[in-house]
Amino acid sequence: MKEFWNLDKNLQLRLGIVFLGAFSYGTVFSSMTIYYNQHLGSAITGILLALSAVATFVAGILAGFFAD
């Protein structure tokens, strides 16, 4: 933890924002799965989860390409 406070303030802020974003995404998305299952059914929920996984994979490849 001591190394974190020795980092540049901009990097500390960026790491904090990334952490909060990942944390909120994880908590909300897991709850949305239950909501989708109750209101849309398990088949549509499965399709939505599969589409989300594919979109995340493709976005990661594109982001890596553009980052280089």
PDB file of N, CA and C in Angstrom:
ATOM      1  N   MET A   1       0.827  -1.188   0.000  1.00  0.00           N
ATOM      2  CA  MET A   1       0.000   0.000   0.000  1.00  0.00           C
ATOM      3  C   MET A   1       0.870   1.251   0.000  1.00  0.00           C
ATOM      4  N   LYS A   2       2.052   1.116   0.590  1.00  0.00           N
ATOM      5  CA  LYS A   2       2.943   2.268   0.658  1.00  0.00           C
ATOM      6  C   LYS A   2       3.386   2.699  -0.737  1.00  0.00           C
ATOM      7  N   GLU A   3       3.581   1.699  -1.631  1.00  0.00           N
ATOM      8  CA  GLU A   3       4.000   2.034  -2.991  1.00  0.00           C
ATOM      9  C   GLU A   3       2.917   2.806  -3.728  1.00  0.00           C
ATOM     10  N   PHE A   4       1.654   2.507  -3.418  1.00  0.00           N
ATOM     11  CA  PHE A   4       0.557   3.211  -4.080  1.00  0.00           C
ATOM     12  C   PHE A   4       0.618   4.701  -3.784  1.00  0.00           C
ATOM     13  N   TRP A   5       0.882   5.059  -2.540  1.00  0.00           N
ATOM     14  CA  TRP A   5       0.903   6.477  -2.168  1.00  0.00           C
ATOM     15  C   TRP A   5       2.137   7.185  -2.705  1.00  0.00           C
ATOM     16  N   ASN A   6       3.154   6.438  -3.111  1.00  0.00           N
ATOM     17  CA  ASN A   6       4.344   7.043  -3.709  1.00  0.00           C
ATOM     18  C   ASN A   6       4.185   7.282  -5.208  1.00  0.00           C
ATOM     19  N   LEU A   7       3.108   6.778  -5.802  1.00  0.00           N
ATOM     20  CA  LEU A   7       2.873   6.977  -7.230  1.00  0.00           C
ATOM     21  C   LEU A   7       2.434   8.412  -7.505  1.00  0.00           C
ATOM     22  N   ASP A   8       2.526   8.804  -8.769  1.00  0.00           N
ATOM     23  CA  ASP A   8       2.058  10.118  -9.202  1.00  0.00           C
ATOM     24  C   ASP A   8       0.553  10.247  -8.930  1.00  0.00           C
ATOM     25  N   LYS A   9       0.104  11.443  -8.604  1.00  0.00           N
ATOM     26  CA  LYS A   9      -1.307  11.667  -8.267  1.00  0.00           C
ATOM     27  C   LYS A   9      -2.236  11.290  -9.421  1.00  0.00           C
ATOM     28  N   ASN A  10      -1.827  11.581 -10.661  1.00  0.00           N
ATOM     29  CA  ASN A  10      -2.662  11.218 -11.810  1.00  0.00           C
ATOM     30  C   ASN A  10      -2.818   9.710 -11.926  1.00  0.00           C
ATOM     31  N   LEU A  11      -1.751   8.978 -11.671  1.00  0.00           N
ATOM     32  CA  LEU A  11      -1.812   7.518 -11.728  1.00  0.00           C
ATOM     33  C   LEU A  11      -2.668   6.968 -10.589  1.00  0.00           C
ATOM     34  N   GLN A  12      -2.570   7.561  -9.413  1.00  0.00           N
ATOM     35  CA  GLN A  12      -3.416   7.146  -8.293  1.00  0.00           C
ATOM     36  C   GLN A  12      -4.889   7.331  -8.639  1.00  0.00           C
ATOM     37  N   LEU A  13      -5.207   8.481  -9.222  1.00  0.00           N
ATOM     38  CA  LEU A  13      -6.586   8.765  -9.596  1.00  0.00           C
ATOM     39  C   LEU A  13      -7.073   7.782 -10.652  1.00  0.00           C
ATOM     40  N   ARG A  14      -6.245   7.525 -11.635  1.00  0.00           N
ATOM     41  CA  ARG A  14      -6.628   6.594 -12.707  1.00  0.00           C
ATOM     42  C   ARG A  14      -6.844   5.186 -12.171  1.00  0.00           C
ATOM     43  N   LEU A  15      -5.955   4.719 -11.311  1.00  0.00           N
ATOM     44  CA  LEU A  15      -6.118   3.392 -10.718  1.00  0.00           C
ATOM     45  C   LEU A  15      -7.382   3.313  -9.865  1.00  0.00           C
ATOM     46  N   GLY A  16      -7.671   4.382  -9.131  1.00  0.00           N
ATOM     47  CA  GLY A  16      -8.889   4.418  -8.323  1.00  0.00           C
ATOM     48  C   GLY A  16     -10.144   4.354  -9.173  1.00  0.00           C
ATOM     49  N   ILE A  17     -10.150   5.088 -10.272  1.00  0.00           N
ATOM     50  CA  ILE A  17     -11.307   5.090 -11.162  1.00  0.00           C
ATOM     51  C   ILE A  17     -11.485   3.727 -11.824  1.00  0.00           C
ATOM     52  N   VAL A  18     -10.385   3.117 -12.246  1.00  0.00           N
ATOM     53  CA  VAL A  18     -10.467   1.785 -12.858  1.00  0.00           C
ATOM     54  C   VAL A  18     -10.994   0.772 -11.845  1.00  0.00           C
ATOM     55  N   PHE A  19     -10.517   0.850 -10.607  1.00  0.00           N
ATOM     56  CA  PHE A  19     -10.993  -0.061  -9.569  1.00  0.00           C
ATOM     57  C   PHE A  19     -12.488   0.116  -9.325  1.00  0.00           C
ATOM     58  N   LEU A  20     -12.938   1.360  -9.177  1.00  0.00           N
ATOM     59  CA  LEU A  20     -14.358   1.601  -8.929  1.00  0.00           C
ATOM     60  C   LEU A  20     -15.217   1.159 -10.112  1.00  0.00           C
ATOM     61  N   GLY A  21     -14.732   1.385 -11.318  1.00  0.00           N
ATOM     62  CA  GLY A  21     -15.475   0.950 -12.497  1.00  0.00           C
ATOM     63  C   GLY A  21     -15.604  -0.555 -12.568  1.00  0.00           C
ATOM     64  N   ALA A  22     -14.511  -1.259 -12.325  1.00  0.00           N
ATOM     65  CA  ALA A  22     -14.542  -2.725 -12.363  1.00  0.00           C
ATOM     66  C   ALA A  22     -15.407  -3.282 -11.235  1.00  0.00           C
ATOM     67  N   PHE A  23     -15.317  -2.674 -10.070  1.00  0.00           N
ATOM     68  CA  PHE A  23     -16.112  -3.125  -8.927  1.00  0.00           C
ATOM     69  C   PHE A  23     -17.602  -2.924  -9.182  1.00  0.00           C
ATOM     70  N   SER A  24     -17.976  -1.745  -9.664  1.00  0.00           N
ATOM     71  CA  SER A  24     -19.392  -1.475  -9.916  1.00  0.00           C
ATOM     72  C   SER A  24     -19.922  -2.328 -11.061  1.00  0.00           C
ATOM     73  N   TYR A  25     -19.112  -2.543 -12.096  1.00  0.00           N
ATOM     74  CA  TYR A  25     -19.533  -3.410 -13.201  1.00  0.00           C
ATOM     75  C   TYR A  25     -19.782  -4.825 -12.694  1.00  0.00           C
ATOM     76  N   GLY A  26     -18.893  -5.325 -11.865  1.00  0.00           N
ATOM     77  CA  GLY A  26     -19.046  -6.680 -11.345  1.00  0.00           C
ATOM     78  C   GLY A  26     -20.268  -6.844 -10.465  1.00  0.00           C
ATOM     79  N   THR A  27     -20.562  -5.859  -9.645  1.00  0.00           N
ATOM     80  CA  THR A  27     -21.719  -5.982  -8.763  1.00  0.00           C
ATOM     81  C   THR A  27     -23.029  -5.809  -9.522  1.00  0.00           C
ATOM     82  N   VAL A  28     -23.082  -4.862 -10.430  1.00  0.00           N
ATOM     83  CA  VAL A  28     -24.320  -4.621 -11.169  1.00  0.00           C
ATOM     84  C   VAL A  28     -24.578  -5.736 -12.179  1.00  0.00           C
ATOM     85  N   PHE A  29     -23.552  -6.155 -12.911  1.00  0.00           N
ATOM     86  CA  PHE A  29     -23.753  -7.155 -13.957  1.00  0.00           C
ATOM     87  C   PHE A  29     -24.201  -8.490 -13.383  1.00  0.00           C
ATOM     88  N   SER A  30     -23.674  -8.878 -12.234  1.00  0.00           N
ATOM     89  CA  SER A  30     -24.103 -10.144 -11.639  1.00  0.00           C
ATOM     90  C   SER A  30     -25.563 -10.076 -11.202  1.00  0.00           C
ATOM     91  N   SER A  31     -26.008  -8.934 -10.728  1.00  0.00           N
ATOM     92  CA  SER A  31     -27.414  -8.780 -10.347  1.00  0.00           C
ATOM     93  C   SER A  31     -28.318  -8.714 -11.570  1.00  0.00           C
ATOM     94  N   MET A  32     -27.840  -8.121 -12.651  1.00  0.00           N
ATOM     95  CA  MET A  32     -28.639  -8.029 -13.867  1.00  0.00           C
ATOM     96  C   MET A  32     -28.908  -9.410 -14.458  1.00  0.00           C
ATOM     97  N   THR A  33     -28.006 -10.350 -14.258  1.00  0.00           N
ATOM     98  CA  THR A  33     -28.220 -11.712 -14.743  1.00  0.00           C
ATOM     99  C   THR A  33     -29.450 -12.326 -14.085  1.00  0.00           C
ATOM    100  N   ILE A  34     -29.603 -12.119 -12.802  1.00  0.00           N
ATOM    101  CA  ILE A  34     -30.778 -12.631 -12.088  1.00  0.00           C
ATOM    102  C   ILE A  34     -32.040 -11.941 -12.593  1.00  0.00           C
ATOM    103  N   TYR A  35     -31.973 -10.632 -12.780  1.00  0.00           N
ATOM    104  CA  TYR A  35     -33.118  -9.874 -13.282  1.00  0.00           C
ATOM    105  C   TYR A  35     -33.520 -10.360 -14.670  1.00  0.00           C
ATOM    106  N   TYR A  36     -32.551 -10.498 -15.566  1.00  0.00           N
ATOM    107  CA  TYR A  36     -32.846 -10.969 -16.920  1.00  0.00           C
ATOM    108  C   TYR A  36     -33.469 -12.358 -16.894  1.00  0.00           C
ATOM    109  N   ASN A  37     -32.956 -13.221 -16.058  1.00  0.00           N
ATOM    110  CA  ASN A  37     -33.478 -14.582 -15.984  1.00  0.00           C
ATOM    111  C   ASN A  37     -34.930 -14.589 -15.520  1.00  0.00           C
ATOM    112  N   GLN A  38     -35.267 -13.745 -14.571  1.00  0.00           N
ATOM    113  CA  GLN A  38     -36.632 -13.703 -14.058  1.00  0.00           C
ATOM    114  C   GLN A  38     -37.604 -13.084 -15.056  1.00  0.00           C
ATOM    115  N   HIS A  39     -37.157 -12.083 -15.804  1.00  0.00           N
ATOM    116  CA  HIS A  39     -38.074 -11.345 -16.669  1.00  0.00           C
ATOM    117  C   HIS A  39     -38.023 -11.750 -18.142  1.00  0.00           C
ATOM    118  N   LEU A  40     -36.923 -12.299 -18.591  1.00  0.00           N
ATOM    119  CA  LEU A  40     -36.791 -12.637 -20.003  1.00  0.00           C
ATOM    120  C   LEU A  40     -36.689 -14.134 -20.260  1.00  0.00           C
ATOM    121  N   GLY A  41     -36.410 -14.894 -19.228  1.00  0.00           N
ATOM    122  CA  GLY A  41     -36.256 -16.338 -19.392  1.00  0.00           C
ATOM    123  C   GLY A  41     -34.794 -16.729 -19.528  1.00  0.00           C
ATOM    124  N   SER A  42     -34.544 -18.001 -19.305  1.00  0.00           N
ATOM    125  CA  SER A  42     -33.154 -18.461 -19.289  1.00  0.00           C
ATOM    126  C   SER A  42     -32.528 -18.506 -20.678  1.00  0.00           C
ATOM    127  N   ALA A  43     -33.316 -18.767 -21.718  1.00  0.00           N
ATOM    128  CA  ALA A  43     -32.753 -18.841 -23.074  1.00  0.00           C
ATOM    129  C   ALA A  43     -32.236 -17.481 -23.528  1.00  0.00           C
ATOM    130  N   ILE A  44     -33.040 -16.450 -23.361  1.00  0.00           N
ATOM    131  CA  ILE A  44     -32.619 -15.105 -23.781  1.00  0.00           C
ATOM    132  C   ILE A  44     -31.481 -14.613 -22.897  1.00  0.00           C
ATOM    133  N   THR A  45     -31.528 -14.946 -21.606  1.00  0.00           N
ATOM    134  CA  THR A  45     -30.439 -14.561 -20.712  1.00  0.00           C
ATOM    135  C   THR A  45     -29.129 -15.196 -21.156  1.00  0.00           C
ATOM    136  N   GLY A  46     -29.165 -16.457 -21.529  1.00  0.00           N
ATOM    137  CA  GLY A  46     -27.963 -17.129 -22.024  1.00  0.00           C
ATOM    138  C   GLY A  46     -27.427 -16.490 -23.284  1.00  0.00           C
ATOM    139  N   ILE A  47     -28.325 -16.115 -24.188  1.00  0.00           N
ATOM    140  CA  ILE A  47     -27.900 -15.445 -25.422  1.00  0.00           C
ATOM    141  C   ILE A  47     -27.262 -14.097 -25.105  1.00  0.00           C
ATOM    142  N   LEU A  48     -27.872 -13.341 -24.199  1.00  0.00           N
ATOM    143  CA  LEU A  48     -27.315 -12.036 -23.825  1.00  0.00           C
ATOM    144  C   LEU A  48     -25.935 -12.174 -23.194  1.00  0.00           C
ATOM    145  N   LEU A  49     -25.759 -13.169 -22.337  1.00  0.00           N
ATOM    146  CA  LEU A  49     -24.458 -13.379 -21.706  1.00  0.00           C
ATOM    147  C   LEU A  49     -23.412 -13.804 -22.728  1.00  0.00           C
ATOM    148  N   ALA A  50     -23.810 -14.647 -23.673  1.00  0.00           N
ATOM    149  CA  ALA A  50     -22.874 -15.073 -24.718  1.00  0.00           C
ATOM    150  C   ALA A  50     -22.483 -13.891 -25.599  1.00  0.00           C
ATOM    151  N   LEU A  51     -23.450 -13.065 -25.971  1.00  0.00           N
ATOM    152  CA  LEU A  51     -23.151 -11.877 -26.777  1.00  0.00           C
ATOM    153  C   LEU A  51     -22.228 -10.918 -26.034  1.00  0.00           C
ATOM    154  N   SER A  52     -22.450 -10.786 -24.741  1.00  0.00           N
ATOM    155  CA  SER A  52     -21.590  -9.918 -23.941  1.00  0.00           C
ATOM    156  C   SER A  52     -20.162 -10.442 -23.913  1.00  0.00           C
ATOM    157  N   ALA A  53     -19.998 -11.747 -23.773  1.00  0.00           N
ATOM    158  CA  ALA A  53     -18.655 -12.334 -23.754  1.00  0.00           C
ATOM    159  C   ALA A  53     -17.963 -12.160 -25.098  1.00  0.00           C
ATOM    160  N   VAL A  54     -18.685 -12.373 -26.183  1.00  0.00           N
ATOM    161  CA  VAL A  54     -18.104 -12.208 -27.520  1.00  0.00           C
ATOM    162  C   VAL A  54     -17.736 -10.749 -27.761  1.00  0.00           C
ATOM    163  N   ALA A  55     -18.617  -9.828 -27.373  1.00  0.00           N
ATOM    164  CA  ALA A  55     -18.334  -8.403 -27.555  1.00  0.00           C
ATOM    165  C   ALA A  55     -17.118  -7.974 -26.741  1.00  0.00           C
ATOM    166  N   THR A  56     -16.976  -8.500 -25.528  1.00  0.00           N
ATOM    167  CA  THR A  56     -15.814  -8.184 -24.705  1.00  0.00           C
ATOM    168  C   THR A  56     -14.535  -8.703 -25.351  1.00  0.00           C
ATOM    169  N   PHE A  57     -14.586  -9.898 -25.902  1.00  0.00           N
ATOM    170  CA  PHE A  57     -13.425 -10.483 -26.573  1.00  0.00           C
ATOM    171  C   PHE A  57     -13.017  -9.655 -27.787  1.00  0.00           C
ATOM    172  N   VAL A  58     -13.980  -9.310 -28.624  1.00  0.00           N
ATOM    173  CA  VAL A  58     -13.690  -8.528 -29.834  1.00  0.00           C
ATOM    174  C   VAL A  58     -13.179  -7.139 -29.466  1.00  0.00           C
ATOM    175  N   ALA A  59     -13.797  -6.518 -28.471  1.00  0.00           N
ATOM    176  CA  ALA A  59     -13.352  -5.189 -28.045  1.00  0.00           C
ATOM    177  C   ALA A  59     -11.930  -5.238 -27.501  1.00  0.00           C
ATOM    178  N   GLY A  60     -11.575  -6.309 -26.802  1.00  0.00           N
ATOM    179  CA  GLY A  60     -10.212  -6.452 -26.295  1.00  0.00           C
ATOM    180  C   GLY A  60      -9.193  -6.567 -27.409  1.00  0.00           C
ATOM    181  N   ILE A  61      -9.545  -7.321 -28.443  1.00  0.00           N
ATOM    182  CA  ILE A  61      -8.636  -7.450 -29.587  1.00  0.00           C
ATOM    183  C   ILE A  61      -8.472  -6.106 -30.288  1.00  0.00           C
ATOM    184  N   LEU A  62      -9.584  -5.418 -30.525  1.00  0.00           N
ATOM    185  CA  LEU A  62      -9.511  -4.114 -31.191  1.00  0.00           C
ATOM    186  C   LEU A  62      -8.759  -3.088 -30.344  1.00  0.00           C
ATOM    187  N   ALA A  63      -9.003  -3.100 -29.048  1.00  0.00           N
ATOM    188  CA  ALA A  63      -8.310  -2.157 -28.171  1.00  0.00           C
ATOM    189  C   ALA A  63      -6.812  -2.424 -28.166  1.00  0.00           C
ATOM    190  N   GLY A  64      -6.424  -3.688 -28.165  1.00  0.00           N
ATOM    191  CA  GLY A  64      -5.006  -4.025 -28.229  1.00  0.00           C
ATOM    192  C   GLY A  64      -4.372  -3.582 -29.528  1.00  0.00           C
ATOM    193  N   PHE A  65      -5.104  -3.752 -30.620  1.00  0.00           N
ATOM    194  CA  PHE A  65      -4.597  -3.325 -31.926  1.00  0.00           C
ATOM    195  C   PHE A  65      -4.386  -1.817 -31.965  1.00  0.00           C
ATOM    196  N   PHE A  66      -5.382  -1.063 -31.498  1.00  0.00           N
ATOM    197  CA  PHE A  66      -5.274   0.395 -31.546  1.00  0.00           C
ATOM    198  C   PHE A  66      -4.287   0.938 -30.512  1.00  0.00           C
ATOM    199  N   ALA A  67      -4.086   0.206 -29.418  1.00  0.00           N
ATOM    200  CA  ALA A  67      -3.121   0.654 -28.413  1.00  0.00           C
ATOM    201  C   ALA A  67      -1.694   0.525 -28.918  1.00  0.00           C
ATOM    202  N   ASP A  68      -1.469  -0.451 -29.786  1.00  0.00           N
ATOM    203  CA  ASP A  68      -0.122  -0.632 -30.336  1.00  0.00           C
ATOM    204  C   ASP A  68       0.083   0.358 -31.448  1.00  0.00           C
TER     205      ASP A  68
END
